[in-house]
Amino acid sequence: MPNEPEVVWTYEAGETSLEATPVIAAGVAYFGDFDGTMHAVRVVDGSLVWKQSFDGSGFVSPAAVAGDALFAPDMNGVVHCLALKDGVERWTFDSESEMYGGPLVHKLVSGDSMVLLPTEGGTLYALDAATGKELWSFAIDAPLRCTPTVVGGHALLAGCDAKLHTLDVETGQETGAVELGDPTGNTAAVVGGVAYFGTEGGSFEAVDANDPAKPVVKWSYRDRRSSQGIRTAAAVTKDAVVYANQGKLVVALRPENGDVLWQWRTRSRVDAAPLSIKDGRILAATTRGRLLLIDPVKGNPVWNYEVGGSFIGAPAAADGVVLLPNTDGRLYAIGGKED
């Protein structure tokens, strides 16, 4: 990304709100809107490929892509399997619970694929990707709001029961768990078998899950000046783990020990997960519609730009641009020529 990025195109979804992170495959971005329409647009210029509307529905969670299929969960608890080429519906599965975490598609040892689907009711469903048939389910006594992460044949699942669970992804059997002290709905970023995520109590955790039967907390960081919760996924680079909390603070920690590298206080909350750009810079999008490009060493913004509206859904990067959904009903593509 250049030192002075610019808006290279916008796509207007209409009088609605875009809160779902786009998923990108083969040069096309797929995302839903708050009023129940799924959109497919070309990353190169924002032109429409197709859109498909679902009455009485709404999308706030990211979809997932595998092969020639798109798996899109709606707010009513229904996951829609759509054909990538035209959005035609192939099957649906009704979880009978609201869904805020995105699905994950995982290829099994058999070569078949499953869709892992977390729900507000606390159940993680595993569905056959081809048919939507339930393969297994795992439940806790609290909501599940994160997308699972699969490492070494085990699903890592952070729950609002204040635990990180590890499950055998083939069977759904729990293989281990670690107490966190605070509930969380954050998707873990996993590097080298270590899961990094924040909690509602304001702590940031690094859990070593290399032994799925015995996950252990490697380190835990809590800012004594702020007990504000962490509700977004972290961005992980080789030198830093970066997260944003509800106290308008962006924090960078050392991955190996949790020591603070830098902090930057924004003027408004960052509800969209920060994004690591390939050169190590961090893109943060605020609830007041401002974009910040943060220096990875000093922690200060080297560029900022006000779009308006509000950024809630996390950005997604591909093909030299960053795509950002906004509550003003527009998808913004940020990029430009390299300096």
C-alpha atoms as a PDB file:
ATOM      1  CA  MET A   1       0.000   0.000   0.000  1.00  0.00           C
ATOM      2  CA  PRO A   2       1.344   3.472  -0.860  1.00  0.00           C
ATOM      3  CA  ASN A   3       2.283   6.037   1.776  1.00  0.00           C
ATOM      4  CA  GLU A   4      -0.667   8.170   0.695  1.00  0.00           C
ATOM      5  CA  PRO A   5      -3.514   5.740  -0.100  1.00  0.00           C
ATOM      6  CA  GLU A   6      -6.703   6.882  -1.760  1.00  0.00           C
ATOM      7  CA  VAL A   7     -10.216   5.651  -2.400  1.00  0.00           C
ATOM      8  CA  VAL A   8      -9.879   3.917  -5.778  1.00  0.00           C
ATOM      9  CA  TRP A   9     -13.553   2.937  -6.060  1.00  0.00           C
ATOM     10  CA  THR A  10     -16.756   2.579  -4.054  1.00  0.00           C
ATOM     11  CA  TYR A  11     -19.658   0.192  -4.446  1.00  0.00           C
ATOM     12  CA  GLU A  12     -23.084   1.391  -3.309  1.00  0.00           C
ATOM     13  CA  ALA A  13     -25.343  -1.303  -1.870  1.00  0.00           C
ATOM     14  CA  GLY A  14     -28.251   1.115  -1.440  1.00  0.00           C
ATOM     15  CA  GLU A  15     -30.070   2.408   1.640  1.00  0.00           C
ATOM     16  CA  THR A  16     -28.692  -0.193   4.004  1.00  0.00           C
ATOM     17  CA  SER A  17     -25.723  -0.822   6.290  1.00  0.00           C
ATOM     18  CA  LEU A  18     -22.632  -2.897   5.512  1.00  0.00           C
ATOM     19  CA  GLU A  19     -21.257  -4.509   8.682  1.00  0.00           C
ATOM     20  CA  ALA A  20     -20.013  -7.871   7.396  1.00  0.00           C
ATOM     21  CA  THR A  21     -16.360  -8.340   6.482  1.00  0.00           C
ATOM     22  CA  PRO A  22     -15.976  -9.219   2.773  1.00  0.00           C
ATOM     23  CA  VAL A  23     -14.567 -12.607   1.820  1.00  0.00           C
ATOM     24  CA  ILE A  24     -12.468 -12.552  -1.360  1.00  0.00           C
ATOM     25  CA  ALA A  25     -11.947 -15.372  -3.855  1.00  0.00           C
ATOM     26  CA  ALA A  26     -10.575 -15.290  -7.417  1.00  0.00           C
ATOM     27  CA  GLY A  27     -10.853 -11.520  -7.701  1.00  0.00           C
ATOM     28  CA  VAL A  28     -14.426 -11.258  -6.408  1.00  0.00           C
ATOM     29  CA  ALA A  29     -15.559  -9.939  -3.005  1.00  0.00           C
ATOM     30  CA  TYR A  30     -18.662 -11.434  -1.369  1.00  0.00           C
ATOM     31  CA  PHE A  31     -20.514  -9.680   1.467  1.00  0.00           C
ATOM     32  CA  GLY A  32     -24.002  -9.281   2.859  1.00  0.00           C
ATOM     33  CA  ASP A  33     -25.922  -6.204   3.967  1.00  0.00           C
ATOM     34  CA  PHE A  34     -28.111  -5.510   6.984  1.00  0.00           C
ATOM     35  CA  ASP A  35     -31.311  -5.854   4.949  1.00  0.00           C
ATOM     36  CA  GLY A  36     -30.721  -9.355   3.617  1.00  0.00           C
ATOM     37  CA  THR A  37     -28.921  -9.019   0.285  1.00  0.00           C
ATOM     38  CA  MET A  38     -25.689 -10.812  -0.609  1.00  0.00           C
ATOM     39  CA  HIS A  39     -23.454  -8.949  -3.051  1.00  0.00           C
ATOM     40  CA  ALA A  40     -20.633 -10.164  -5.296  1.00  0.00           C
ATOM     41  CA  VAL A  41     -18.413  -7.444  -6.790  1.00  0.00           C
ATOM     42  CA  ARG A  42     -15.133  -7.443  -8.705  1.00  0.00           C
ATOM     43  CA  VAL A  43     -12.136  -6.358  -6.642  1.00  0.00           C
ATOM     44  CA  VAL A  44     -10.494  -4.580  -9.579  1.00  0.00           C
ATOM     45  CA  ASP A  45     -13.222  -1.973 -10.055  1.00  0.00           C
ATOM     46  CA  GLY A  46     -16.227  -2.658  -7.799  1.00  0.00           C
ATOM     47  CA  SER A  47     -18.495  -3.708 -10.641  1.00  0.00           C
ATOM     48  CA  LEU A  48     -21.394  -5.987  -9.746  1.00  0.00           C
ATOM     49  CA  VAL A  49     -21.178  -9.702 -10.571  1.00  0.00           C
ATOM     50  CA  TRP A  50     -24.475 -10.673  -8.911  1.00  0.00           C
ATOM     51  CA  LYS A  51     -26.668 -10.007  -5.910  1.00  0.00           C
ATOM     52  CA  GLN A  52     -29.247 -12.166  -4.201  1.00  0.00           C
ATOM     53  CA  SER A  53     -31.883 -11.001  -1.711  1.00  0.00           C
ATOM     54  CA  PHE A  54     -33.467 -12.979   1.133  1.00  0.00           C
ATOM     55  CA  ASP A  55     -36.712 -11.611   2.570  1.00  0.00           C
ATOM     56  CA  GLY A  56     -36.830 -11.054   6.322  1.00  0.00           C
ATOM     57  CA  SER A  57     -33.120 -11.644   6.659  1.00  0.00           C
ATOM     58  CA  GLY A  58     -29.955  -9.659   7.340  1.00  0.00           C
ATOM     59  CA  PHE A  59     -26.208 -10.258   7.268  1.00  0.00           C
ATOM     60  CA  VAL A  60     -23.678  -8.944   9.809  1.00  0.00           C
ATOM     61  CA  SER A  61     -21.228 -11.869   9.835  1.00  0.00           C
ATOM     62  CA  PRO A  62     -18.602 -12.672   7.219  1.00  0.00           C
ATOM     63  CA  ALA A  63     -19.297 -15.476   4.779  1.00  0.00           C
ATOM     64  CA  ALA A  64     -16.854 -18.252   3.830  1.00  0.00           C
ATOM     65  CA  VAL A  65     -15.819 -19.635   0.447  1.00  0.00           C
ATOM     66  CA  ALA A  66     -14.775 -23.183  -0.481  1.00  0.00           C
ATOM     67  CA  GLY A  67     -14.587 -24.526  -4.013  1.00  0.00           C
ATOM     68  CA  ASP A  68     -17.528 -23.208  -5.994  1.00  0.00           C
ATOM     69  CA  ALA A  69     -19.701 -22.451  -2.944  1.00  0.00           C
ATOM     70  CA  LEU A  70     -20.353 -19.528  -0.620  1.00  0.00           C
ATOM     71  CA  PHE A  71     -21.566 -20.128   2.958  1.00  0.00           C
ATOM     72  CA  ALA A  72     -23.402 -17.103   4.361  1.00  0.00           C
ATOM     73  CA  PRO A  73     -24.945 -17.055   7.872  1.00  0.00           C
ATOM     74  CA  ASP A  74     -27.765 -14.590   8.518  1.00  0.00           C
ATOM     75  CA  MET A  75     -28.938 -12.930  11.728  1.00  0.00           C
ATOM     76  CA  ASN A  76     -31.896 -15.313  12.006  1.00  0.00           C
ATOM     77  CA  GLY A  77     -29.611 -18.307  12.428  1.00  0.00           C
ATOM     78  CA  VAL A  78     -29.849 -19.678   8.889  1.00  0.00           C
ATOM     79  CA  VAL A  79     -26.726 -20.460   6.872  1.00  0.00           C
ATOM     80  CA  HIS A  80     -27.228 -20.220   3.116  1.00  0.00           C
ATOM     81  CA  CYS A  81     -25.086 -22.238   0.718  1.00  0.00           C
ATOM     82  CA  LEU A  82     -24.919 -20.324  -2.567  1.00  0.00           C
ATOM     83  CA  ALA A  83     -23.260 -21.003  -5.912  1.00  0.00           C
ATOM     84  CA  LEU A  84     -20.286 -18.665  -6.327  1.00  0.00           C
ATOM     85  CA  LYS A  85     -20.969 -17.968  -9.994  1.00  0.00           C
ATOM     86  CA  ASP A  86     -24.521 -16.647  -9.673  1.00  0.00           C
ATOM     87  CA  GLY A  87     -25.709 -16.738  -6.032  1.00  0.00           C
ATOM     88  CA  VAL A  88     -28.282 -19.487  -6.616  1.00  0.00           C
ATOM     89  CA  GLU A  89     -29.161 -21.167  -3.312  1.00  0.00           C
ATOM     90  CA  ARG A  90     -28.192 -24.847  -2.985  1.00  0.00           C
ATOM     91  CA  TRP A  91     -29.194 -25.605   0.610  1.00  0.00           C
ATOM     92  CA  THR A  92     -29.923 -23.993   3.954  1.00  0.00           C
ATOM     93  CA  PHE A  93     -29.434 -25.030   7.573  1.00  0.00           C
ATOM     94  CA  ASP A  94     -31.442 -23.451  10.391  1.00  0.00           C
ATOM     95  CA  SER A  95     -29.526 -23.375  13.685  1.00  0.00           C
ATOM     96  CA  GLU A  96     -32.544 -21.821  15.455  1.00  0.00           C
ATOM     97  CA  SER A  97     -30.205 -19.318  17.077  1.00  0.00           C
ATOM     98  CA  GLU A  98     -28.771 -15.950  16.128  1.00  0.00           C
ATOM     99  CA  MET A  99     -25.305 -15.990  14.562  1.00  0.00           C
ATOM    100  CA  TYR A 100     -22.639 -13.297  14.850  1.00  0.00           C
ATOM    101  CA  GLY A 101     -19.468 -15.341  14.296  1.00  0.00           C
ATOM    102  CA  GLY A 102     -18.483 -16.306  10.792  1.00  0.00           C
ATOM    103  CA  PRO A 103     -18.299 -19.892   9.482  1.00  0.00           C
ATOM    104  CA  LEU A 104     -15.085 -21.766   8.771  1.00  0.00           C
ATOM    105  CA  VAL A 105     -14.701 -24.381   6.035  1.00  0.00           C
ATOM    106  CA  HIS A 106     -12.306 -27.244   6.848  1.00  0.00           C
ATOM    107  CA  LYS A 107     -11.200 -30.135   4.642  1.00  0.00           C
ATOM    108  CA  LEU A 108     -11.387 -33.516   6.382  1.00  0.00           C
ATOM    109  CA  VAL A 109      -8.988 -36.445   6.106  1.00  0.00           C
ATOM    110  CA  SER A 110     -11.519 -38.120   3.786  1.00  0.00           C
ATOM    111  CA  GLY A 111     -11.230 -35.222   1.349  1.00  0.00           C
ATOM    112  CA  ASP A 112     -14.747 -33.965   2.069  1.00  0.00           C
ATOM    113  CA  SER A 113     -15.270 -30.522   3.567  1.00  0.00           C
ATOM    114  CA  MET A 114     -17.195 -29.405   6.638  1.00  0.00           C
ATOM    115  CA  VAL A 115     -18.566 -26.028   7.660  1.00  0.00           C
ATOM    116  CA  LEU A 116     -18.024 -25.045  11.297  1.00  0.00           C
ATOM    117  CA  LEU A 117     -20.786 -22.723  12.456  1.00  0.00           C
ATOM    118  CA  PRO A 118     -20.793 -20.943  15.866  1.00  0.00           C
ATOM    119  CA  THR A 119     -24.096 -19.686  17.315  1.00  0.00           C
ATOM    120  CA  GLU A 120     -25.314 -17.253  19.941  1.00  0.00           C
ATOM    121  CA  GLY A 121     -27.063 -20.188  21.629  1.00  0.00           C
ATOM    122  CA  GLY A 122     -23.652 -21.663  22.454  1.00  0.00           C
ATOM    123  CA  THR A 123     -23.598 -24.512  19.948  1.00  0.00           C
ATOM    124  CA  LEU A 124     -20.906 -25.113  17.353  1.00  0.00           C
ATOM    125  CA  TYR A 125     -22.324 -27.074  14.425  1.00  0.00           C
ATOM    126  CA  ALA A 126     -20.288 -29.085  11.924  1.00  0.00           C
ATOM    127  CA  LEU A 127     -22.125 -29.422   8.611  1.00  0.00           C
ATOM    128  CA  ASP A 128     -21.320 -31.378   5.484  1.00  0.00           C
ATOM    129  CA  ALA A 129     -20.343 -28.680   2.995  1.00  0.00           C
ATOM    130  CA  ALA A 130     -21.971 -30.446   0.044  1.00  0.00           C
ATOM    131  CA  THR A 131     -25.384 -31.146   1.597  1.00  0.00           C
ATOM    132  CA  GLY A 132     -25.758 -29.084   4.789  1.00  0.00           C
ATOM    133  CA  LYS A 133     -26.310 -32.274   6.814  1.00  0.00           C
ATOM    134  CA  GLU A 134     -25.275 -31.997  10.475  1.00  0.00           C
ATOM    135  CA  LEU A 135     -22.172 -34.075  11.215  1.00  0.00           C
ATOM    136  CA  TRP A 136     -21.751 -33.238  14.905  1.00  0.00           C
ATOM    137  CA  SER A 137     -22.342 -30.458  17.424  1.00  0.00           C
ATOM    138  CA  PHE A 138     -20.601 -29.161  20.534  1.00  0.00           C
ATOM    139  CA  ALA A 139     -22.258 -26.889  23.097  1.00  0.00           C
ATOM    140  CA  ILE A 140     -21.283 -24.657  26.001  1.00  0.00           C
ATOM    141  CA  ASP A 141     -23.509 -22.782  28.474  1.00  0.00           C
ATOM    142  CA  ALA A 142     -22.718 -19.371  26.951  1.00  0.00           C
ATOM    143  CA  PRO A 143     -22.729 -17.705  23.529  1.00  0.00           C
ATOM    144  CA  LEU A 144     -20.169 -18.496  20.837  1.00  0.00           C
ATOM    145  CA  ARG A 145     -19.380 -15.349  18.868  1.00  0.00           C
ATOM    146  CA  CYS A 146     -16.032 -16.193  17.279  1.00  0.00           C
ATOM    147  CA  THR A 147     -15.014 -17.983  14.120  1.00  0.00           C
ATOM    148  CA  PRO A 148     -13.186 -21.197  15.084  1.00  0.00           C
ATOM    149  CA  THR A 149      -9.528 -21.601  14.144  1.00  0.00           C
ATOM    150  CA  VAL A 150      -8.233 -25.036  13.122  1.00  0.00           C
ATOM    151  CA  VAL A 151      -4.657 -26.018  13.982  1.00  0.00           C
ATOM    152  CA  GLY A 152      -3.243 -29.512  13.627  1.00  0.00           C
ATOM    153  CA  GLY A 153      -6.639 -31.175  13.309  1.00  0.00           C
ATOM    154  CA  HIS A 154      -8.094 -29.354  16.314  1.00  0.00           C
ATOM    155  CA  ALA A 155     -10.549 -26.456  16.407  1.00  0.00           C
ATOM    156  CA  LEU A 156      -9.747 -23.629  18.825  1.00  0.00           C
ATOM    157  CA  LEU A 157     -12.912 -22.043  20.160  1.00  0.00           C
ATOM    158  CA  ALA A 158     -12.958 -19.036  22.504  1.00  0.00           C
ATOM    159  CA  GLY A 159     -16.244 -18.766  24.377  1.00  0.00           C
ATOM    160  CA  CYS A 160     -18.291 -16.437  26.529  1.00  0.00           C
ATOM    161  CA  ASP A 161     -17.862 -19.075  29.263  1.00  0.00           C
ATOM    162  CA  ALA A 162     -14.345 -17.632  29.800  1.00  0.00           C
ATOM    163  CA  LYS A 163     -12.592 -20.678  28.328  1.00  0.00           C
ATOM    164  CA  LEU A 164     -10.606 -21.536  25.233  1.00  0.00           C
ATOM    165  CA  HIS A 165     -11.777 -24.978  24.101  1.00  0.00           C
ATOM    166  CA  THR A 166      -9.892 -27.367  21.822  1.00  0.00           C
ATOM    167  CA  LEU A 167     -11.927 -29.897  19.839  1.00  0.00           C
ATOM    168  CA  ASP A 168     -11.041 -32.828  17.602  1.00  0.00           C
ATOM    169  CA  VAL A 169     -12.361 -31.376  14.353  1.00  0.00           C
ATOM    170  CA  GLU A 170     -13.195 -34.817  12.899  1.00  0.00           C
ATOM    171  CA  THR A 171     -15.439 -35.861  15.819  1.00  0.00           C
ATOM    172  CA  GLY A 172     -16.321 -32.705  17.758  1.00  0.00           C
ATOM    173  CA  GLN A 173     -14.985 -34.225  20.995  1.00  0.00           C
ATOM    174  CA  GLU A 174     -13.382 -31.754  23.388  1.00  0.00           C
ATOM    175  CA  THR A 175      -9.691 -32.525  23.903  1.00  0.00           C
ATOM    176  CA  GLY A 176      -8.754 -29.712  26.260  1.00  0.00           C
ATOM    177  CA  ALA A 177      -9.680 -26.323  27.702  1.00  0.00           C
ATOM    178  CA  VAL A 178      -7.975 -23.471  29.508  1.00  0.00           C
ATOM    179  CA  GLU A 179      -9.564 -20.983  31.924  1.00  0.00           C
ATOM    180  CA  LEU A 180      -9.270 -17.354  30.848  1.00  0.00           C
ATOM    181  CA  GLY A 181     -10.886 -15.470  33.720  1.00  0.00           C
ATOM    182  CA  ASP A 182     -13.082 -13.361  31.420  1.00  0.00           C
ATOM    183  CA  PRO A 183     -15.580 -14.175  28.653  1.00  0.00           C
ATOM    184  CA  THR A 184     -14.606 -13.573  25.052  1.00  0.00           C
ATOM    185  CA  GLY A 185     -16.172 -13.636  21.622  1.00  0.00           C
ATOM    186  CA  ASN A 186     -12.978 -13.004  19.696  1.00  0.00           C
ATOM    187  CA  THR A 187     -11.597 -15.118  16.905  1.00  0.00           C
ATOM    188  CA  ALA A 188      -8.085 -16.252  17.793  1.00  0.00           C
ATOM    189  CA  ALA A 189      -5.189 -15.313  15.530  1.00  0.00           C
ATOM    190  CA  VAL A 190      -2.876 -18.329  15.559  1.00  0.00           C
ATOM    191  CA  VAL A 191       0.843 -18.185  14.733  1.00  0.00           C
ATOM    192  CA  GLY A 192       3.217 -21.031  15.530  1.00  0.00           C
ATOM    193  CA  GLY A 193       0.561 -22.852  17.509  1.00  0.00           C
ATOM    194  CA  VAL A 194      -0.023 -19.851  19.813  1.00  0.00           C
ATOM    195  CA  ALA A 195      -3.494 -18.309  19.880  1.00  0.00           C
ATOM    196  CA  TYR A 196      -3.722 -14.535  20.434  1.00  0.00           C
ATOM    197  CA  PHE A 197      -7.030 -12.898  21.427  1.00  0.00           C
ATOM    198  CA  GLY A 198      -8.593 -10.406  23.830  1.00  0.00           C
ATOM    199  CA  THR A 199     -11.407 -10.694  26.375  1.00  0.00           C
ATOM    200  CA  GLU A 200     -14.403  -8.676  27.532  1.00  0.00           C
ATOM    201  CA  GLY A 201     -12.553  -7.975  30.782  1.00  0.00           C
ATOM    202  CA  GLY A 202      -9.807  -6.128  28.923  1.00  0.00           C
ATOM    203  CA  SER A 203      -7.041  -8.725  29.154  1.00  0.00           C
ATOM    204  CA  PHE A 204      -5.123  -9.921  26.114  1.00  0.00           C
ATOM    205  CA  GLU A 205      -4.150 -13.592  26.092  1.00  0.00           C
ATOM    206  CA  ALA A 206      -1.504 -15.699  24.371  1.00  0.00           C
ATOM    207  CA  VAL A 207      -2.398 -19.399  24.702  1.00  0.00           C
ATOM    208  CA  ASP A 208       0.037 -22.094  23.608  1.00  0.00           C
ATOM    209  CA  ALA A 209      -2.100 -24.747  21.912  1.00  0.00           C
ATOM    210  CA  ASN A 210       0.672 -26.843  20.375  1.00  0.00           C
ATOM    211  CA  ASP A 211      -0.515 -29.664  22.651  1.00  0.00           C
ATOM    212  CA  PRO A 212      -4.306 -29.536  22.062  1.00  0.00           C
ATOM    213  CA  ALA A 213      -4.960 -31.731  25.102  1.00  0.00           C
ATOM    214  CA  LYS A 214      -3.175 -29.284  27.382  1.00  0.00           C
ATOM    215  CA  PRO A 215      -3.483 -25.689  26.146  1.00  0.00           C
ATOM    216  CA  VAL A 216      -1.722 -23.297  28.523  1.00  0.00           C
ATOM    217  CA  VAL A 217      -1.636 -19.523  28.917  1.00  0.00           C
ATOM    218  CA  LYS A 218       1.792 -18.407  27.694  1.00  0.00           C
ATOM    219  CA  TRP A 219       1.296 -14.833  28.852  1.00  0.00           C
ATOM    220  CA  SER A 220      -1.498 -12.419  29.672  1.00  0.00           C
ATOM    221  CA  TYR A 221      -1.459  -8.619  29.416  1.00  0.00           C
ATOM    222  CA  ARG A 222      -3.842  -6.184  31.087  1.00  0.00           C
ATOM    223  CA  ASP A 223      -3.541  -2.394  30.916  1.00  0.00           C
ATOM    224  CA  ARG A 224      -3.944  -1.192  34.506  1.00  0.00           C
ATOM    225  CA  ARG A 225      -5.247   2.164  33.293  1.00  0.00           C
ATOM    226  CA  SER A 226      -8.049   0.680  31.218  1.00  0.00           C
ATOM    227  CA  SER A 227     -10.460  -2.175  31.887  1.00  0.00           C
ATOM    228  CA  GLN A 228     -12.290  -1.659  28.589  1.00  0.00           C
ATOM    229  CA  GLY A 229     -13.196  -4.856  26.752  1.00  0.00           C
ATOM    230  CA  ILE A 230     -11.562  -6.129  23.579  1.00  0.00           C
ATOM    231  CA  ARG A 231     -14.157  -7.093  20.977  1.00  0.00           C
ATOM    232  CA  THR A 232     -12.164  -7.419  17.764  1.00  0.00           C
ATOM    233  CA  ALA A 233      -9.612  -9.885  16.471  1.00  0.00           C
ATOM    234  CA  ALA A 234      -5.939  -8.928  16.622  1.00  0.00           C
ATOM    235  CA  ALA A 235      -3.500  -8.339  13.788  1.00  0.00           C
ATOM    236  CA  VAL A 236      -0.299 -10.375  14.112  1.00  0.00           C
ATOM    237  CA  THR A 237       3.006  -9.578  12.385  1.00  0.00           C
ATOM    238  CA  LYS A 238       6.439 -11.116  12.960  1.00  0.00           C
ATOM    239  CA  ASP A 239       7.250  -8.286  15.350  1.00  0.00           C
ATOM    240  CA  ALA A 240       3.961  -7.337  17.001  1.00  0.00           C
ATOM    241  CA  VAL A 241       0.476  -8.342  18.061  1.00  0.00           C
ATOM    242  CA  VAL A 242      -1.860  -5.366  17.615  1.00  0.00           C
ATOM    243  CA  TYR A 243      -5.340  -5.021  19.063  1.00  0.00           C
ATOM    244  CA  ALA A 244      -7.912  -2.301  19.764  1.00  0.00           C
ATOM    245  CA  ASN A 245     -10.077  -2.044  22.884  1.00  0.00           C
ATOM    246  CA  GLN A 246     -13.342  -0.288  23.656  1.00  0.00           C
ATOM    247  CA  GLY A 247     -11.392   2.487  25.390  1.00  0.00           C
ATOM    248  CA  LYS A 248     -10.275   3.978  22.032  1.00  0.00           C
ATOM    249  CA  LEU A 249      -6.797   2.509  22.441  1.00  0.00           C
ATOM    250  CA  VAL A 250      -4.700   0.643  19.856  1.00  0.00           C
ATOM    251  CA  VAL A 251      -1.970  -1.446  21.516  1.00  0.00           C
ATOM    252  CA  ALA A 252       1.039  -3.336  20.127  1.00  0.00           C
ATOM    253  CA  LEU A 253       2.627  -6.149  22.187  1.00  0.00           C
ATOM    254  CA  ARG A 254       5.670  -8.356  21.667  1.00  0.00           C
ATOM    255  CA  PRO A 255       4.442 -11.794  20.522  1.00  0.00           C
ATOM    256  CA  GLU A 256       6.989 -13.671  22.612  1.00  0.00           C
ATOM    257  CA  ASN A 257       6.242 -12.146  26.031  1.00  0.00           C
ATOM    258  CA  GLY A 258       3.431  -9.561  25.877  1.00  0.00           C
ATOM    259  CA  ASP A 259       5.646  -6.540  26.585  1.00  0.00           C
ATOM    260  CA  VAL A 260       4.183  -3.260  25.331  1.00  0.00           C
ATOM    261  CA  LEU A 261       5.774  -1.877  22.167  1.00  0.00           C
ATOM    262  CA  TRP A 262       3.522   1.133  21.775  1.00  0.00           C
ATOM    263  CA  GLN A 263       0.017   2.494  22.349  1.00  0.00           C
ATOM    264  CA  TRP A 264      -2.034   4.999  20.347  1.00  0.00           C
ATOM    265  CA  ARG A 265      -5.243   6.600  21.575  1.00  0.00           C
ATOM    266  CA  THR A 266      -7.811   7.302  18.880  1.00  0.00           C
ATOM    267  CA  ARG A 267     -10.639   9.846  19.054  1.00  0.00           C
ATOM    268  CA  SER A 268     -13.298   7.193  18.584  1.00  0.00           C
ATOM    269  CA  ARG A 269     -13.654   3.435  19.049  1.00  0.00           C
ATOM    270  CA  VAL A 270     -12.114   0.884  16.711  1.00  0.00           C
ATOM    271  CA  ASP A 271     -14.785  -1.835  16.405  1.00  0.00           C
ATOM    272  CA  ALA A 272     -13.342  -3.235  13.178  1.00  0.00           C
ATOM    273  CA  ALA A 273     -10.369  -5.562  13.615  1.00  0.00           C
ATOM    274  CA  PRO A 274      -7.044  -3.879  12.739  1.00  0.00           C
ATOM    275  CA  LEU A 275      -5.415  -5.133   9.543  1.00  0.00           C
ATOM    276  CA  SER A 276      -1.706  -5.765   9.035  1.00  0.00           C
ATOM    277  CA  ILE A 277      -0.469  -4.491   5.680  1.00  0.00           C
ATOM    278  CA  LYS A 278       2.357  -6.469   4.029  1.00  0.00           C
ATOM    279  CA  ASP A 279       5.006  -3.883   4.995  1.00  0.00           C
ATOM    280  CA  GLY A 280       4.077  -4.153   8.687  1.00  0.00           C
ATOM    281  CA  ARG A 281       1.936  -1.026   8.892  1.00  0.00           C
ATOM    282  CA  ILE A 282      -1.436  -1.341  10.619  1.00  0.00           C
ATOM    283  CA  LEU A 283      -4.705  -0.079   9.154  1.00  0.00           C
ATOM    284  CA  ALA A 284      -7.307   0.877  11.770  1.00  0.00           C
ATOM    285  CA  ALA A 285     -10.852   1.988  10.879  1.00  0.00           C
ATOM    286  CA  THR A 286     -12.935   3.847  13.475  1.00  0.00           C
ATOM    287  CA  THR A 287     -16.627   4.061  14.307  1.00  0.00           C
ATOM    288  CA  ARG A 288     -16.571   7.702  13.155  1.00  0.00           C
ATOM    289  CA  GLY A 289     -15.487   6.755   9.657  1.00  0.00           C
ATOM    290  CA  ARG A 290     -11.799   7.626   9.930  1.00  0.00           C
ATOM    291  CA  LEU A 291      -8.978   5.494   8.526  1.00  0.00           C
ATOM    292  CA  LEU A 292      -5.558   5.437  10.199  1.00  0.00           C
ATOM    293  CA  LEU A 293      -2.363   3.927   8.796  1.00  0.00           C
ATOM    294  CA  ILE A 294      -0.050   3.323  11.758  1.00  0.00           C
ATOM    295  CA  ASP A 295       3.738   3.091  11.713  1.00  0.00           C
ATOM    296  CA  PRO A 296       4.705  -0.407  12.987  1.00  0.00           C
ATOM    297  CA  VAL A 297       7.714   0.848  14.972  1.00  0.00           C
ATOM    298  CA  LYS A 298       6.697   4.188  16.460  1.00  0.00           C
ATOM    299  CA  GLY A 299       2.960   3.515  16.717  1.00  0.00           C
ATOM    300  CA  ASN A 300       1.867   6.884  15.354  1.00  0.00           C
ATOM    301  CA  PRO A 301      -0.424   7.399  12.333  1.00  0.00           C
ATOM    302  CA  VAL A 302       1.489   8.225   9.155  1.00  0.00           C
ATOM    303  CA  TRP A 303      -1.739   8.812   7.199  1.00  0.00           C
ATOM    304  CA  ASN A 304      -5.364   9.403   8.084  1.00  0.00           C
ATOM    305  CA  TYR A 305      -8.432   9.920   5.995  1.00  0.00           C
ATOM    306  CA  GLU A 306     -12.048  10.641   6.902  1.00  0.00           C
ATOM    307  CA  VAL A 307     -14.690   8.786   4.909  1.00  0.00           C
ATOM    308  CA  GLY A 308     -17.739   9.281   7.124  1.00  0.00           C
ATOM    309  CA  GLY A 309     -20.333   6.799   8.258  1.00  0.00           C
ATOM    310  CA  SER A 310     -18.979   4.126  10.597  1.00  0.00           C
ATOM    311  CA  PHE A 311     -16.647   1.164  10.150  1.00  0.00           C
ATOM    312  CA  ILE A 312     -17.783  -1.896  12.108  1.00  0.00           C
ATOM    313  CA  GLY A 313     -16.917  -4.828   9.851  1.00  0.00           C
ATOM    314  CA  ALA A 314     -13.230  -5.696   9.571  1.00  0.00           C
ATOM    315  CA  PRO A 315     -11.330  -4.798   6.387  1.00  0.00           C
ATOM    316  CA  ALA A 316     -10.129  -7.411   3.883  1.00  0.00           C
ATOM    317  CA  ALA A 317      -7.109  -7.121   1.577  1.00  0.00           C
ATOM    318  CA  ALA A 318      -6.459  -8.596  -1.875  1.00  0.00           C
ATOM    319  CA  ASP A 319      -4.999  -7.629  -5.244  1.00  0.00           C
ATOM    320  CA  GLY A 320      -3.367  -4.438  -3.956  1.00  0.00           C
ATOM    321  CA  VAL A 321      -6.453  -2.908  -2.335  1.00  0.00           C
ATOM    322  CA  VAL A 322      -8.143  -2.994   1.055  1.00  0.00           C
ATOM    323  CA  LEU A 323     -11.928  -3.353   1.125  1.00  0.00           C
ATOM    324  CA  LEU A 324     -13.863  -1.740   3.975  1.00  0.00           C
ATOM    325  CA  PRO A 325     -17.624  -2.095   4.574  1.00  0.00           C
ATOM    326  CA  ASN A 326     -19.329   0.987   6.003  1.00  0.00           C
ATOM    327  CA  THR A 327     -22.658   1.618   7.700  1.00  0.00           C
ATOM    328  CA  ASP A 328     -23.397   4.231   5.011  1.00  0.00           C
ATOM    329  CA  GLY A 329     -24.137   1.341   2.652  1.00  0.00           C
ATOM    330  CA  ARG A 330     -20.892   1.618   0.700  1.00  0.00           C
ATOM    331  CA  LEU A 331     -17.938  -0.707   0.236  1.00  0.00           C
ATOM    332  CA  TYR A 332     -14.727   1.334  -0.031  1.00  0.00           C
ATOM    333  CA  ALA A 333     -11.620   0.153  -1.851  1.00  0.00           C
ATOM    334  CA  ILE A 334      -8.443   1.823  -0.548  1.00  0.00           C
ATOM    335  CA  GLY A 335      -5.213   1.611  -2.510  1.00  0.00           C
ATOM    336  CA  GLY A 336      -3.321   3.424  -5.227  1.00  0.00           C
ATOM    337  CA  LYS A 337       0.065   3.177  -6.904  1.00  0.00           C
ATOM    338  CA  GLU A 338       3.054   2.263  -4.758  1.00  0.00           C
ATOM    339  CA  ASP A 339       5.450   5.140  -4.027  1.00  0.00           C
END
